Amino acid sequence: MDEENFNLSMRKFLKMVGVSSQNAIEKAVEKAIAEGRIKGDESFPAKVTLEIEGIKLHIVFDGEIRLQ
């Protein structure tokens, strides 16, 4: 295994996931506020599942997104 390539590809993947996830959440919140479905002061439970079939990894991260 090439540790340097492994770490680089992992960081690139996690950065892509983080940036894409944040953009999607922001757009969904803006749309929900614009449509009047939420007020903008709520908190929401959030869950992310990471799966890598080749190494049989399945892990769930639970958290909360607070708008205020």
N, C-alpha and C. Protein backbone atom coordinates (compact mmCIF):
# COMPACT_ATOMS: atom_id res chain seq x y z
N MET A 1 0.85 -1.18 0.00
CA MET A 1 0.00 0.00 0.00
C MET A 1 0.89 1.24 0.00
N ASP A 2 0.50 2.22 -0.78
CA ASP A 2 1.21 3.49 -0.84
C ASP A 2 0.50 4.47 0.10
N GLU A 3 1.06 4.66 1.29
CA GLU A 3 0.44 5.48 2.33
C GLU A 3 0.13 6.90 1.84
N GLU A 4 1.06 7.49 1.11
CA GLU A 4 0.87 8.87 0.64
C GLU A 4 -0.33 8.98 -0.30
N ASN A 5 -0.42 8.08 -1.28
CA ASN A 5 -1.56 8.09 -2.20
C ASN A 5 -2.87 7.77 -1.48
N PHE A 6 -2.81 6.83 -0.55
CA PHE A 6 -3.99 6.47 0.24
C PHE A 6 -4.51 7.68 1.01
N ASN A 7 -3.62 8.36 1.74
CA ASN A 7 -4.04 9.52 2.53
C ASN A 7 -4.53 10.66 1.64
N LEU A 8 -3.88 10.88 0.51
CA LEU A 8 -4.29 11.94 -0.40
C LEU A 8 -5.68 11.66 -0.97
N SER A 9 -5.92 10.42 -1.41
CA SER A 9 -7.22 10.10 -2.00
C SER A 9 -8.32 10.14 -0.94
N MET A 10 -7.99 9.72 0.29
CA MET A 10 -8.98 9.75 1.37
C MET A 10 -9.35 11.20 1.70
N ARG A 11 -8.36 12.06 1.81
CA ARG A 11 -8.63 13.47 2.12
C ARG A 11 -9.42 14.14 1.01
N LYS A 12 -9.10 13.82 -0.24
CA LYS A 12 -9.83 14.37 -1.39
C LYS A 12 -11.29 13.94 -1.35
N PHE A 13 -11.53 12.66 -1.06
CA PHE A 13 -12.89 12.15 -0.96
C PHE A 13 -13.66 12.84 0.16
N LEU A 14 -13.05 12.92 1.35
CA LEU A 14 -13.72 13.53 2.50
C LEU A 14 -13.99 15.01 2.28
N LYS A 15 -13.08 15.71 1.61
CA LYS A 15 -13.30 17.13 1.31
C LYS A 15 -14.49 17.27 0.36
N MET A 16 -14.55 16.43 -0.67
CA MET A 16 -15.66 16.47 -1.62
C MET A 16 -16.98 16.21 -0.91
N VAL A 17 -17.00 15.22 -0.04
CA VAL A 17 -18.22 14.88 0.71
C VAL A 17 -18.63 16.05 1.60
N GLY A 18 -17.67 16.62 2.30
CA GLY A 18 -17.96 17.73 3.22
C GLY A 18 -18.51 18.95 2.50
N VAL A 19 -17.85 19.36 1.44
CA VAL A 19 -18.27 20.55 0.69
C VAL A 19 -19.63 20.31 0.02
N SER A 20 -19.79 19.16 -0.62
CA SER A 20 -21.06 18.85 -1.30
C SER A 20 -22.21 18.74 -0.30
N SER A 21 -21.96 18.13 0.84
CA SER A 21 -22.99 17.99 1.86
C SER A 21 -23.41 19.36 2.40
N GLN A 22 -22.44 20.21 2.69
CA GLN A 22 -22.76 21.54 3.21
C GLN A 22 -23.58 22.33 2.21
N ASN A 23 -23.21 22.28 0.94
CA ASN A 23 -23.97 23.00 -0.09
C ASN A 23 -25.40 22.48 -0.18
N ALA A 24 -25.57 21.17 -0.15
CA ALA A 24 -26.91 20.59 -0.24
C ALA A 24 -27.76 20.97 0.96
N ILE A 25 -27.18 20.97 2.15
CA ILE A 25 -27.93 21.34 3.36
C ILE A 25 -28.33 22.80 3.29
N GLU A 26 -27.40 23.67 2.92
CA GLU A 26 -27.70 25.10 2.83
C GLU A 26 -28.83 25.36 1.85
N LYS A 27 -28.78 24.75 0.68
CA LYS A 27 -29.84 24.95 -0.32
C LYS A 27 -31.19 24.43 0.18
N ALA A 28 -31.18 23.27 0.84
CA ALA A 28 -32.43 22.70 1.36
C ALA A 28 -33.03 23.59 2.44
N VAL A 29 -32.19 24.15 3.31
CA VAL A 29 -32.68 25.03 4.37
C VAL A 29 -33.24 26.32 3.76
N GLU A 30 -32.52 26.91 2.81
CA GLU A 30 -33.00 28.14 2.16
C GLU A 30 -34.34 27.90 1.47
N LYS A 31 -34.47 26.78 0.79
CA LYS A 31 -35.72 26.46 0.10
C LYS A 31 -36.86 26.25 1.09
N ALA A 32 -36.60 25.53 2.17
CA ALA A 32 -37.63 25.27 3.17
C ALA A 32 -38.09 26.57 3.83
N ILE A 33 -37.17 27.48 4.08
CA ILE A 33 -37.55 28.78 4.65
C ILE A 33 -38.37 29.58 3.64
N ALA A 34 -37.91 29.61 2.39
CA ALA A 34 -38.62 30.36 1.35
C ALA A 34 -40.03 29.83 1.12
N GLU A 35 -40.22 28.54 1.26
CA GLU A 35 -41.53 27.92 1.06
C GLU A 35 -42.38 27.96 2.32
N GLY A 36 -41.83 28.46 3.42
CA GLY A 36 -42.58 28.56 4.66
C GLY A 36 -42.73 27.26 5.42
N ARG A 37 -41.96 26.25 5.08
CA ARG A 37 -42.05 24.96 5.77
C ARG A 37 -41.34 24.98 7.12
N ILE A 38 -40.36 25.86 7.24
CA ILE A 38 -39.66 26.05 8.52
C ILE A 38 -39.48 27.54 8.74
N LYS A 39 -39.23 27.92 10.01
CA LYS A 39 -39.05 29.33 10.33
C LYS A 39 -37.60 29.78 10.27
N GLY A 40 -36.69 28.88 10.51
CA GLY A 40 -35.27 29.23 10.48
C GLY A 40 -34.62 29.23 11.85
N ASP A 41 -35.37 28.79 12.86
CA ASP A 41 -34.79 28.73 14.20
C ASP A 41 -34.83 27.31 14.77
N GLU A 42 -35.07 26.34 13.91
CA GLU A 42 -35.21 24.95 14.33
C GLU A 42 -33.85 24.24 14.43
N SER A 43 -33.92 23.05 14.99
CA SER A 43 -32.81 22.10 15.00
C SER A 43 -33.32 20.80 14.40
N PHE A 44 -32.45 20.12 13.69
CA PHE A 44 -32.85 18.88 13.02
C PHE A 44 -31.83 17.78 13.29
N PRO A 45 -32.31 16.58 13.64
CA PRO A 45 -31.38 15.46 13.74
C PRO A 45 -30.84 15.16 12.33
N ALA A 46 -29.58 14.76 12.26
CA ALA A 46 -28.95 14.45 10.98
C ALA A 46 -28.19 13.14 11.11
N LYS A 47 -28.11 12.43 9.99
CA LYS A 47 -27.42 11.14 9.98
C LYS A 47 -26.67 11.00 8.66
N VAL A 48 -25.44 10.52 8.73
CA VAL A 48 -24.64 10.23 7.54
C VAL A 48 -24.17 8.78 7.65
N THR A 49 -24.31 8.06 6.56
CA THR A 49 -23.84 6.67 6.51
C THR A 49 -22.68 6.59 5.53
N LEU A 50 -21.59 6.00 5.98
CA LEU A 50 -20.42 5.79 5.14
C LEU A 50 -20.28 4.30 4.89
N GLU A 51 -20.23 3.94 3.62
CA GLU A 51 -20.07 2.54 3.25
C GLU A 51 -18.95 2.40 2.24
N ILE A 52 -18.09 1.44 2.47
CA ILE A 52 -17.06 1.06 1.51
C ILE A 52 -17.14 -0.46 1.40
N GLU A 53 -17.79 -0.91 0.33
CA GLU A 53 -18.08 -2.34 0.18
C GLU A 53 -16.83 -3.20 0.16
N GLY A 54 -15.78 -2.75 -0.52
CA GLY A 54 -14.58 -3.57 -0.68
C GLY A 54 -13.89 -3.95 0.61
N ILE A 55 -14.08 -3.14 1.67
CA ILE A 55 -13.47 -3.45 2.96
C ILE A 55 -14.53 -3.71 4.03
N LYS A 56 -15.76 -3.84 3.58
CA LYS A 56 -16.89 -4.14 4.47
C LYS A 56 -17.02 -3.13 5.61
N LEU A 57 -16.91 -1.84 5.24
CA LEU A 57 -17.07 -0.77 6.22
C LEU A 57 -18.48 -0.21 6.11
N HIS A 58 -19.14 -0.13 7.22
CA HIS A 58 -20.48 0.47 7.30
C HIS A 58 -20.55 1.17 8.65
N ILE A 59 -20.58 2.50 8.60
CA ILE A 59 -20.60 3.26 9.85
C ILE A 59 -21.59 4.42 9.71
N VAL A 60 -22.31 4.68 10.79
CA VAL A 60 -23.32 5.74 10.80
C VAL A 60 -22.89 6.81 11.79
N PHE A 61 -22.97 8.05 11.35
CA PHE A 61 -22.67 9.20 12.19
C PHE A 61 -23.97 9.95 12.45
N ASP A 62 -24.30 10.16 13.71
CA ASP A 62 -25.51 10.89 14.10
C ASP A 62 -25.09 12.24 14.68
N GLY A 63 -25.90 13.24 14.38
CA GLY A 63 -25.63 14.57 14.90
C GLY A 63 -26.86 15.45 14.83
N GLU A 64 -26.64 16.73 14.87
CA GLU A 64 -27.74 17.69 14.85
C GLU A 64 -27.31 18.91 14.06
N ILE A 65 -28.23 19.43 13.27
CA ILE A 65 -28.02 20.69 12.54
C ILE A 65 -28.90 21.72 13.21
N ARG A 66 -28.30 22.77 13.75
CA ARG A 66 -29.04 23.85 14.43
C ARG A 66 -29.03 25.08 13.54
N LEU A 67 -30.19 25.65 13.31
CA LEU A 67 -30.29 26.84 12.50
C LEU A 67 -30.09 28.12 13.29
N GLN A 68 -30.17 28.00 14.59
CA GLN A 68 -29.99 29.20 15.41
C GLN A 68 -29.22 28.88 16.66
